[in-house]
PDB file of N, CA and C in Angstrom:
ATOM      1  N   MET A   1      88.716 112.147 115.849  1.00  0.00           N
ATOM      2  CA  MET A   1      89.992 112.153 115.576  1.00  0.00           C
ATOM      3  C   MET A   1      91.143 112.849 116.843  1.00  0.00           C
ATOM      4  N   THR A   2      92.144 112.215 116.507  1.00  0.00           N
ATOM      5  CA  THR A   2      92.663 112.037 117.631  1.00  0.00           C
ATOM      6  C   THR A   2      93.740 113.972 117.988  1.00  0.00           C
ATOM      7  N   ALA A   3      93.925 114.143 118.730  1.00  0.00           N
ATOM      8  CA  ALA A   3      94.990 115.450 118.618  1.00  0.00           C
ATOM      9  C   ALA A   3      96.527 115.132 117.769  1.00  0.00           C
ATOM     10  N   THR A   4      96.809 113.725 118.364  1.00  0.00           N
ATOM     11  CA  THR A   4      98.076 113.305 117.374  1.00  0.00           C
ATOM     12  C   THR A   4      97.689 113.436 116.126  1.00  0.00           C
ATOM     13  N   LEU A   5      96.604 112.543 115.456  1.00  0.00           N
ATOM     14  CA  LEU A   5      96.290 112.855 114.702  1.00  0.00           C
ATOM     15  C   LEU A   5      95.879 113.979 113.794  1.00  0.00           C
ATOM     16  N   LYS A   6      95.450 115.038 114.245  1.00  0.00           N
ATOM     17  CA  LYS A   6      95.449 116.290 113.996  1.00  0.00           C
ATOM     18  C   LYS A   6      96.258 117.186 113.727  1.00  0.00           C
ATOM     19  N   ALA A   7      97.396 116.772 114.115  1.00  0.00           N
ATOM     20  CA  ALA A   7      99.072 117.678 114.534  1.00  0.00           C
ATOM     21  C   ALA A   7      99.564 116.755 113.388  1.00  0.00           C
ATOM     22  N   TYR A   8      99.273 115.821 113.188  1.00  0.00           N
ATOM     23  CA  TYR A   8     100.156 115.036 111.983  1.00  0.00           C
ATOM     24  C   TYR A   8      99.142 115.619 111.092  1.00  0.00           C
ATOM     25  N   PHE A   9      98.514 115.794 110.374  1.00  0.00           N
ATOM     26  CA  PHE A   9      97.737 116.662 109.438  1.00  0.00           C
ATOM     27  C   PHE A   9      98.527 118.253 109.290  1.00  0.00           C
ATOM     28  N   ASP A  10      98.066 118.583 110.369  1.00  0.00           N
ATOM     29  CA  ASP A  10      98.868 119.924 110.546  1.00  0.00           C
ATOM     30  C   ASP A  10      99.938 120.264 109.933  1.00  0.00           C
ATOM     31  N   GLN A  11     101.318 119.095 109.546  1.00  0.00           N
ATOM     32  CA  GLN A  11     102.337 118.801 109.715  1.00  0.00           C
ATOM     33  C   GLN A  11     102.336 118.571 108.283  1.00  0.00           C
ATOM     34  N   VAL A  12     101.748 117.592 107.356  1.00  0.00           N
ATOM     35  CA  VAL A  12     101.967 117.163 106.340  1.00  0.00           C
ATOM     36  C   VAL A  12     100.865 118.196 105.239  1.00  0.00           C
ATOM     37  N   ALA A  13      99.925 119.239 105.774  1.00  0.00           N
ATOM     38  CA  ALA A  13      99.526 119.981 104.825  1.00  0.00           C
ATOM     39  C   ALA A  13     100.365 121.569 104.874  1.00  0.00           C
ATOM     40  N   ARG A  14     100.777 121.293 103.486  1.00  0.00           N
ATOM     41  CA  ARG A  14     101.839 122.415 103.322  1.00  0.00           C
ATOM     42  C   ARG A  14     102.062 123.552 102.282  1.00  0.00           C
ATOM     43  N   ALA A  15     101.154 124.157 101.946  1.00  0.00           N
ATOM     44  CA  ALA A  15     101.411 124.988 100.959  1.00  0.00           C
ATOM     45  C   ALA A  15     102.396 125.657 100.342  1.00  0.00           C
ATOM     46  N   GLY A  16     102.626 125.124  99.261  1.00  0.00           N
ATOM     47  CA  GLY A  16     103.748 125.310  98.211  1.00  0.00           C
ATOM     48  C   GLY A  16     104.076 123.699  98.122  1.00  0.00           C
ATOM     49  N   VAL A  17     104.005 122.659  98.964  1.00  0.00           N
ATOM     50  CA  VAL A  17     104.671 121.735  98.811  1.00  0.00           C
ATOM     51  C   VAL A  17     103.715 120.514  98.913  1.00  0.00           C
ATOM     52  N   THR A  18     102.667 120.712  99.717  1.00  0.00           N
ATOM     53  CA  THR A  18     101.552 119.226  99.491  1.00  0.00           C
ATOM     54  C   THR A  18     100.292 119.511  98.549  1.00  0.00           C
ATOM     55  N   PHE A  19     100.659 121.391  98.838  1.00  0.00           N
ATOM     56  CA  PHE A  19      99.021 121.716  98.495  1.00  0.00           C
ATOM     57  C   PHE A  19      99.235 123.268  97.668  1.00  0.00           C
ATOM     58  N   LYS A  20      98.716 123.747  96.738  1.00  0.00           N
ATOM     59  CA  LYS A  20      99.141 125.103  96.328  1.00  0.00           C
ATOM     60  C   LYS A  20      97.649 125.844  96.583  1.00  0.00           C
ATOM     61  N   TYR A  21      98.144 127.072  96.403  1.00  0.00           N
ATOM     62  CA  TYR A  21      96.677 127.915  95.805  1.00  0.00           C
ATOM     63  C   TYR A  21      96.631 128.681  94.700  1.00  0.00           C
ATOM     64  N   ASN A  22      95.675 128.151  93.772  1.00  0.00           N
ATOM     65  CA  ASN A  22      95.408 128.900  92.657  1.00  0.00           C
ATOM     66  C   ASN A  22      95.590 130.657  92.597  1.00  0.00           C
ATOM     67  N   ASP A  23      94.918 130.745  91.161  1.00  0.00           N
ATOM     68  CA  ASP A  23      94.731 132.055  90.878  1.00  0.00           C
ATOM     69  C   ASP A  23      93.472 132.851  91.839  1.00  0.00           C
ATOM     70  N   GLN A  24      92.997 131.740  91.800  1.00  0.00           N
ATOM     71  CA  GLN A  24      91.464 132.471  92.671  1.00  0.00           C
ATOM     72  C   GLN A  24      91.375 132.004  94.220  1.00  0.00           C
ATOM     73  N   GLY A  25      92.514 131.897  94.375  1.00  0.00           N
ATOM     74  CA  GLY A  25      92.657 131.353  96.001  1.00  0.00           C
ATOM     75  C   GLY A  25      91.810 130.007  96.697  1.00  0.00           C
ATOM     76  N   VAL A  26      91.624 128.961  95.551  1.00  0.00           N
ATOM     77  CA  VAL A  26      91.425 127.756  95.911  1.00  0.00           C
ATOM     78  C   VAL A  26      92.353 126.720  96.141  1.00  0.00           C
ATOM     79  N   PRO A  27      92.635 126.102  96.863  1.00  0.00           N
ATOM     80  CA  PRO A  27      93.743 125.338  97.157  1.00  0.00           C
ATOM     81  C   PRO A  27      93.581 124.599  96.345  1.00  0.00           C
ATOM     82  N   GLU A  28      94.697 123.386  95.693  1.00  0.00           N
ATOM     83  CA  GLU A  28      94.968 122.147  94.643  1.00  0.00           C
ATOM     84  C   GLU A  28      95.615 121.399  95.022  1.00  0.00           C
ATOM     85  N   GLY A  29      95.362 120.296  95.004  1.00  0.00           N
ATOM     86  CA  GLY A  29      96.636 119.553  95.815  1.00  0.00           C
ATOM     87  C   GLY A  29      97.727 119.087  94.638  1.00  0.00           C
ATOM     88  N   LEU A  30      98.524 118.785  95.791  1.00  0.00           N
ATOM     89  CA  LEU A  30     100.441 118.448  94.393  1.00  0.00           C
ATOM     90  C   LEU A  30     100.500 117.027  94.638  1.00  0.00           C
ATOM     91  N   LEU A  31      99.954 116.236  95.495  1.00  0.00           N
ATOM     92  CA  LEU A  31     100.231 114.666  95.522  1.00  0.00           C
ATOM     93  C   LEU A  31      99.061 114.158  94.900  1.00  0.00           C
ATOM     94  N   THR A  32      98.670 114.858  93.247  1.00  0.00           N
ATOM     95  CA  THR A  32      98.237 113.702  92.997  1.00  0.00           C
ATOM     96  C   THR A  32      98.563 112.725  92.335  1.00  0.00           C
ATOM     97  N   ASN A  33      97.722 111.690  91.511  1.00  0.00           N
ATOM     98  CA  ASN A  33      98.145 110.118  91.082  1.00  0.00           C
ATOM     99  C   ASN A  33      98.857 108.969  92.390  1.00  0.00           C
ATOM    100  N   LYS A  34      98.166 109.514  93.265  1.00  0.00           N
ATOM    101  CA  LYS A  34      98.278 108.551  94.376  1.00  0.00           C
ATOM    102  C   LYS A  34      97.715 107.729  95.045  1.00  0.00           C
ATOM    103  N   LYS A  35      97.600 106.891  95.717  1.00  0.00           N
ATOM    104  CA  LYS A  35      97.063 106.194  96.301  1.00  0.00           C
ATOM    105  C   LYS A  35      97.386 106.192  97.873  1.00  0.00           C
ATOM    106  N   ALA A  36      95.873 105.850  98.665  1.00  0.00           N
ATOM    107  CA  ALA A  36      95.964 105.557  99.765  1.00  0.00           C
ATOM    108  C   ALA A  36      95.412 104.552 100.230  1.00  0.00           C
ATOM    109  N   TYR A  37      96.049 104.192 101.622  1.00  0.00           N
ATOM    110  CA  TYR A  37      95.120 103.108 102.154  1.00  0.00           C
ATOM    111  C   TYR A  37      95.248 103.451 104.047  1.00  0.00           C
ATOM    112  N   VAL A  38      93.761 103.436 104.253  1.00  0.00           N
ATOM    113  CA  VAL A  38      93.685 104.120 105.566  1.00  0.00           C
ATOM    114  C   VAL A  38      92.878 102.763 106.855  1.00  0.00           C
ATOM    115  N   VAL A  39      93.981 102.404 107.329  1.00  0.00           N
ATOM    116  CA  VAL A  39      93.236 101.578 108.190  1.00  0.00           C
ATOM    117  C   VAL A  39      92.897 102.555 109.647  1.00  0.00           C
ATOM    118  N   VAL A  40      91.129 101.914 109.845  1.00  0.00           N
ATOM    119  CA  VAL A  40      90.403 102.390 110.947  1.00  0.00           C
ATOM    120  C   VAL A  40      90.210 101.365 111.836  1.00  0.00           C
ATOM    121  N   SER A  41      90.392 102.084 112.951  1.00  0.00           N
ATOM    122  CA  SER A  41      90.277 101.388 114.169  1.00  0.00           C
ATOM    123  C   SER A  41      89.626 102.255 115.163  1.00  0.00           C
ATOM    124  N   SER A  42      88.480 101.880 115.590  1.00  0.00           N
ATOM    125  CA  SER A  42      87.551 102.337 116.745  1.00  0.00           C
ATOM    126  C   SER A  42      86.597 101.434 117.651  1.00  0.00           C
ATOM    127  N   GLY A  43      86.725 101.488 118.672  1.00  0.00           N
ATOM    128  CA  GLY A  43      86.522 101.204 119.862  1.00  0.00           C
ATOM    129  C   GLY A  43      84.898 100.709 120.229  1.00  0.00           C
ATOM    130  N   GLY A  44      83.969 101.826 119.329  1.00  0.00           N
ATOM    131  CA  GLY A  44      82.783 101.875 119.222  1.00  0.00           C
ATOM    132  C   GLY A  44      82.136 102.293 118.022  1.00  0.00           C
ATOM    133  N   VAL A  45      82.669 103.284 117.349  1.00  0.00           N
ATOM    134  CA  VAL A  45      82.028 103.746 116.143  1.00  0.00           C
ATOM    135  C   VAL A  45      81.965 102.851 115.219  1.00  0.00           C
ATOM    136  N   PRO A  46      80.820 102.322 114.511  1.00  0.00           N
ATOM    137  CA  PRO A  46      81.360 101.663 113.669  1.00  0.00           C
ATOM    138  C   PRO A  46      81.624 102.819 112.339  1.00  0.00           C
ATOM    139  N   MET A  47      82.593 102.422 111.043  1.00  0.00           N
ATOM    140  CA  MET A  47      82.966 103.037 109.816  1.00  0.00           C
ATOM    141  C   MET A  47      81.979 102.944 109.152  1.00  0.00           C
ATOM    142  N   ASN A  48      81.786 104.635 108.692  1.00  0.00           N
ATOM    143  CA  ASN A  48      80.753 104.678 107.689  1.00  0.00           C
ATOM    144  C   ASN A  48      79.287 104.880 108.670  1.00  0.00           C
ATOM    145  N   ALA A  49      79.296 104.647 109.848  1.00  0.00           N
ATOM    146  CA  ALA A  49      77.659 104.877 110.377  1.00  0.00           C
ATOM    147  C   ALA A  49      77.074 106.138 110.606  1.00  0.00           C
ATOM    148  N   PRO A  50      75.878 106.520 109.979  1.00  0.00           N
ATOM    149  CA  PRO A  50      75.215 107.262 109.564  1.00  0.00           C
ATOM    150  C   PRO A  50      75.764 108.776 110.973  1.00  0.00           C
ATOM    151  N   GLY A  51      75.870 109.455 110.967  1.00  0.00           N
ATOM    152  CA  GLY A  51      76.109 110.719 112.229  1.00  0.00           C
ATOM    153  C   GLY A  51      76.839 110.518 113.472  1.00  0.00           C
ATOM    154  N   MET A  52      77.325 109.223 112.975  1.00  0.00           N
ATOM    155  CA  MET A  52      78.629 108.564 114.196  1.00  0.00           C
ATOM    156  C   MET A  52      79.830 108.915 113.810  1.00  0.00           C
ATOM    157  N   ASP A  53      80.317 108.048 112.472  1.00  0.00           N
ATOM    158  CA  ASP A  53      81.365 108.264 111.956  1.00  0.00           C
ATOM    159  C   ASP A  53      81.579 109.680 111.278  1.00  0.00           C
ATOM    160  N   PHE A  54      82.630 110.279 111.834  1.00  0.00           N
ATOM    161  CA  PHE A  54      83.187 111.613 111.102  1.00  0.00           C
ATOM    162  C   PHE A  54      85.087 111.574 110.882  1.00  0.00           C
ATOM    163  N   LEU A  55      85.453 110.607 111.472  1.00  0.00           N
ATOM    164  CA  LEU A  55      86.694 110.065 110.917  1.00  0.00           C
ATOM    165  C   LEU A  55      86.836 110.067 109.265  1.00  0.00           C
ATOM    166  N   THR A  56      86.120 109.136 108.693  1.00  0.00           N
ATOM    167  CA  THR A  56      86.879 108.876 107.482  1.00  0.00           C
ATOM    168  C   THR A  56      85.966 109.677 106.517  1.00  0.00           C
ATOM    169  N   PRO A  57      85.159 110.283 106.869  1.00  0.00           N
ATOM    170  CA  PRO A  57      84.656 111.476 105.951  1.00  0.00           C
ATOM    171  C   PRO A  57      85.676 112.884 105.930  1.00  0.00           C
ATOM    172  N   HIS A  58      85.993 112.985 106.898  1.00  0.00           N
ATOM    173  CA  HIS A  58      87.106 114.686 107.596  1.00  0.00           C
ATOM    174  C   HIS A  58      88.659 113.296 106.618  1.00  0.00           C
ATOM    175  N   VAL A  59      89.146 112.601 107.134  1.00  0.00           N
ATOM    176  CA  VAL A  59      90.236 111.693 106.238  1.00  0.00           C
ATOM    177  C   VAL A  59      90.262 111.813 104.375  1.00  0.00           C
ATOM    178  N   LYS A  60      89.131 111.441 104.438  1.00  0.00           N
ATOM    179  CA  LYS A  60      88.809 111.581 102.821  1.00  0.00           C
ATOM    180  C   LYS A  60      88.799 112.933 101.975  1.00  0.00           C
ATOM    181  N   THR A  61      88.184 114.395 102.922  1.00  0.00           N
ATOM    182  CA  THR A  61      88.707 115.407 102.345  1.00  0.00           C
ATOM    183  C   THR A  61      90.087 115.865 102.619  1.00  0.00           C
ATOM    184  N   PHE A  62      90.571 115.522 103.497  1.00  0.00           N
ATOM    185  CA  PHE A  62      92.432 116.179 104.219  1.00  0.00           C
ATOM    186  C   PHE A  62      93.045 115.854 103.017  1.00  0.00           C
ATOM    187  N   LEU A  63      92.689 114.359 102.695  1.00  0.00           N
ATOM    188  CA  LEU A  63      93.628 113.861 101.414  1.00  0.00           C
ATOM    189  C   LEU A  63      93.066 114.656 100.062  1.00  0.00           C
ATOM    190  N   GLY A  64      91.807 114.447 100.037  1.00  0.00           N
ATOM    191  CA  GLY A  64      91.230 115.121  98.722  1.00  0.00           C
ATOM    192  C   GLY A  64      92.212 116.539  98.523  1.00  0.00           C
ATOM    193  N   LEU A  65      92.381 117.551  99.790  1.00  0.00           N
ATOM    194  CA  LEU A  65      93.077 118.732  99.279  1.00  0.00           C
ATOM    195  C   LEU A  65      94.394 118.219  99.286  1.00  0.00           C
ATOM    196  N   LEU A  66      94.905 117.810  99.195  1.00  0.00           N
ATOM    197  CA  LEU A  66      96.112 116.977  99.037  1.00  0.00           C
ATOM    198  C   LEU A  66      96.361 116.501  97.772  1.00  0.00           C
ATOM    199  N   GLY A  67      95.286 116.499  96.915  1.00  0.00           N
ATOM    200  CA  GLY A  67      95.136 116.119  95.756  1.00  0.00           C
ATOM    201  C   GLY A  67      95.339 114.393  95.487  1.00  0.00           C
ATOM    202  N   ILE A  68      94.968 113.690  96.498  1.00  0.00           N
ATOM    203  CA  ILE A  68      95.170 112.217  96.718  1.00  0.00           C
ATOM    204  C   ILE A  68      93.508 111.957  96.842  1.00  0.00           C
ATOM    205  N   SER A  69      92.968 111.532  95.410  1.00  0.00           N
ATOM    206  CA  SER A  69      91.661 111.135  95.626  1.00  0.00           C
ATOM    207  C   SER A  69      91.559 109.778  95.778  1.00  0.00           C
ATOM    208  N   ASP A  70      92.261 108.256  95.152  1.00  0.00           N
ATOM    209  CA  ASP A  70      92.382 107.047  95.040  1.00  0.00           C
ATOM    210  C   ASP A  70      92.706 106.841  96.767  1.00  0.00           C
ATOM    211  N   VAL A  71      91.166 106.452  97.478  1.00  0.00           N
ATOM    212  CA  VAL A  71      91.551 106.450  98.774  1.00  0.00           C
ATOM    213  C   VAL A  71      90.887 105.105  98.947  1.00  0.00           C
ATOM    214  N   THR A  72      91.359 103.960  99.876  1.00  0.00           N
ATOM    215  CA  THR A  72      90.684 102.995 100.094  1.00  0.00           C
ATOM    216  C   THR A  72      90.641 102.486 101.674  1.00  0.00           C
ATOM    217  N   PHE A  73      89.334 102.694 102.507  1.00  0.00           N
ATOM    218  CA  PHE A  73      89.649 102.442 103.738  1.00  0.00           C
ATOM    219  C   PHE A  73      89.449 101.411 104.243  1.00  0.00           C
ATOM    220  N   ILE A  74      90.179 100.560 105.416  1.00  0.00           N
ATOM    221  CA  ILE A  74      90.071  99.165 105.521  1.00  0.00           C
ATOM    222  C   ILE A  74      89.618  99.032 106.771  1.00  0.00           C
ATOM    223  N   ASP A  75      88.653  98.795 107.302  1.00  0.00           N
ATOM    224  CA  ASP A  75      87.930  98.595 108.807  1.00  0.00           C
ATOM    225  C   ASP A  75      88.297  97.380 109.065  1.00  0.00           C
ATOM    226  N   ALA A  76      88.627  98.063 110.718  1.00  0.00           N
ATOM    227  CA  ALA A  76      88.931  97.283 111.607  1.00  0.00           C
ATOM    228  C   ALA A  76      88.853  97.684 112.915  1.00  0.00           C
ATOM    229  N   THR A  77      87.750  98.293 112.442  1.00  0.00           N
ATOM    230  CA  THR A  77      86.718  98.479 114.168  1.00  0.00           C
ATOM    231  C   THR A  77      86.311  97.057 114.690  1.00  0.00           C
ATOM    232  N   GLY A  78      85.832  97.438 115.830  1.00  0.00           N
ATOM    233  CA  GLY A  78      85.320  96.264 116.605  1.00  0.00           C
ATOM    234  C   GLY A  78      86.127  95.046 117.149  1.00  0.00           C
ATOM    235  N   GLN A  79      87.736  95.231 117.183  1.00  0.00           N
ATOM    236  CA  GLN A  79      88.484  94.733 117.550  1.00  0.00           C
ATOM    237  C   GLN A  79      88.246  93.444 118.537  1.00  0.00           C
ATOM    238  N   MET A  80      87.679  94.097 119.494  1.00  0.00           N
ATOM    239  CA  MET A  80      87.104  93.313 121.049  1.00  0.00           C
ATOM    240  C   MET A  80      85.922  92.923 120.772  1.00  0.00           C
ATOM    241  N   LYS A  81      84.656  93.363 119.707  1.00  0.00           N
ATOM    242  CA  LYS A  81      83.518  92.988 119.861  1.00  0.00           C
ATOM    243  C   LYS A  81      83.497  91.587 118.990  1.00  0.00           C
ATOM    244  N   ARG A  82      83.591  92.082 117.466  1.00  0.00           N
ATOM    245  CA  ARG A  82      83.424  91.039 116.592  1.00  0.00           C
ATOM    246  C   ARG A  82      84.747  89.912 116.405  1.00  0.00           C
ATOM    247  N   GLU A  83      84.064  88.619 116.021  1.00  0.00           N
ATOM    248  CA  GLU A  83      85.228  87.447 115.837  1.00  0.00           C
ATOM    249  C   GLU A  83      86.086  87.781 114.806  1.00  0.00           C
ATOM    250  N   ASP A  84      85.288  87.971 113.497  1.00  0.00           N
ATOM    251  CA  ASP A  84      86.038  88.315 112.269  1.00  0.00           C
ATOM    252  C   ASP A  84      86.872  89.517 111.733  1.00  0.00           C
ATOM    253  N   ALA A  85      86.619  90.457 112.842  1.00  0.00           N
ATOM    254  CA  ALA A  85      86.884  92.239 112.620  1.00  0.00           C
ATOM    255  C   ALA A  85      89.059  91.581 112.191  1.00  0.00           C
ATOM    256  N   ASN A  86      89.646  91.206 113.117  1.00  0.00           N
ATOM    257  CA  ASN A  86      90.923  91.073 112.885  1.00  0.00           C
ATOM    258  C   ASN A  86      91.142  90.244 111.483  1.00  0.00           C
ATOM    259  N   GLU A  87      90.450  89.310 111.654  1.00  0.00           N
ATOM    260  CA  GLU A  87      90.962  88.325 109.477  1.00  0.00           C
ATOM    261  C   GLU A  87      90.363  89.150 108.842  1.00  0.00           C
ATOM    262  N   SER A  88      89.242  90.092 109.206  1.00  0.00           N
ATOM    263  CA  SER A  88      89.071  90.532 107.773  1.00  0.00           C
ATOM    264  C   SER A  88      90.014  91.925 107.439  1.00  0.00           C
ATOM    265  N   ALA A  89      90.317  92.357 108.139  1.00  0.00           N
ATOM    266  CA  ALA A  89      91.493  93.596 108.373  1.00  0.00           C
ATOM    267  C   ALA A  89      92.405  93.381 107.782  1.00  0.00           C
ATOM    268  N   THR A  90      92.855  92.144 108.556  1.00  0.00           N
ATOM    269  CA  THR A  90      94.497  91.297 107.852  1.00  0.00           C
ATOM    270  C   THR A  90      94.191  90.554 106.409  1.00  0.00           C
ATOM    271  N   ALA A  91      93.215  90.688 106.006  1.00  0.00           N
ATOM    272  CA  ALA A  91      92.787  90.098 104.522  1.00  0.00           C
ATOM    273  C   ALA A  91      93.049  91.187 103.822  1.00  0.00           C
ATOM    274  N   ALA A  92      92.099  91.992 104.448  1.00  0.00           N
ATOM    275  CA  ALA A  92      92.268  93.153 103.623  1.00  0.00           C
ATOM    276  C   ALA A  92      93.801  93.670 103.296  1.00  0.00           C
ATOM    277  N   ILE A  93      94.720  94.187 104.294  1.00  0.00           N
ATOM    278  CA  ILE A  93      95.930  94.331 103.692  1.00  0.00           C
ATOM    279  C   ILE A  93      96.870  93.681 103.478  1.00  0.00           C
ATOM    280  N   ASN A  94      96.521  92.489 103.713  1.00  0.00           N
ATOM    281  CA  ASN A  94      97.300  91.153 102.412  1.00  0.00           C
ATOM    282  C   ASN A  94      96.908  91.728 100.981  1.00  0.00           C
ATOM    283  N   ALA A  95      95.799  91.856 100.897  1.00  0.00           N
ATOM    284  CA  ALA A  95      95.543  91.910  99.537  1.00  0.00           C
ATOM    285  C   ALA A  95      95.988  93.150  99.171  1.00  0.00           C
ATOM    286  N   ILE A  96      96.773  94.292  99.046  1.00  0.00           N
ATOM    287  CA  ILE A  96      97.517  95.461  98.778  1.00  0.00           C
ATOM    288  C   ILE A  96      98.871  94.678  98.180  1.00  0.00           C
ATOM    289  N   ASP A  97      98.868  94.941  97.260  1.00  0.00           N
ATOM    290  CA  ASP A  97      99.939  94.661  95.980  1.00  0.00           C
ATOM    291  C   ASP A  97     101.515  95.866  96.171  1.00  0.00           C
ATOM    292  N   ILE A  98     101.760  95.458  97.386  1.00  0.00           N
ATOM    293  CA  ILE A  98     103.173  96.949  97.899  1.00  0.00           C
ATOM    294  C   ILE A  98     103.672  96.741  96.453  1.00  0.00           C
ATOM    295  N   ASP A  99     104.192  95.961  95.705  1.00  0.00           N
ATOM    296  CA  ASP A  99     105.256  95.873  94.556  1.00  0.00           C
ATOM    297  C   ASP A  99     104.994  96.406  93.750  1.00  0.00           C
ATOM    298  N   ALA A 100     103.247  96.510  93.127  1.00  0.00           N
ATOM    299  CA  ALA A 100     102.693  97.577  92.039  1.00  0.00           C
ATOM    300  C   ALA A 100     102.525  98.776  92.680  1.00  0.00           C
ATOM    301  N   MET A 101     102.472  99.222  93.871  1.00  0.00           N
ATOM    302  CA  MET A 101     101.998 100.497  94.403  1.00  0.00           C
ATOM    303  C   MET A 101     104.248 101.620  94.161  1.00  0.00           C
ATOM    304  N   LEU A 102     104.770 100.739  94.473  1.00  0.00           N
ATOM    305  CA  LEU A 102     106.004 101.170  94.312  1.00  0.00           C
ATOM    306  C   LEU A 102     106.513 100.925  92.916  1.00  0.00           C
ATOM    307  N   ALA A 103     106.130 100.618  92.388  1.00  0.00           N
ATOM    308  CA  ALA A 103     106.912 100.435  90.882  1.00  0.00           C
ATOM    309  C   ALA A 103     106.431 101.676  89.791  1.00  0.00           C
TER     310      ALA A 103
END
């Protein structure tokens, strides 16, 4: 994970704003009933590669802290290696119904 993304997460995770601590001291997300789309691009590590992909589980866990459990990852890895990488990522992004999300 890049330092910039880590810094962004640090700015987004705000006790009392995006999550709270319950009476037992356990964090509970305040951004429930939200959907997240995460586009993952990596120069060499395939998404969901066992023992190699540390980013997607971390992002999913972080979003869970905020209360976002409906997460869709879009694989845009291997842009320079796979001929279909751009087309498949673009198709997945274009399939997102933005109007339904905003309704």
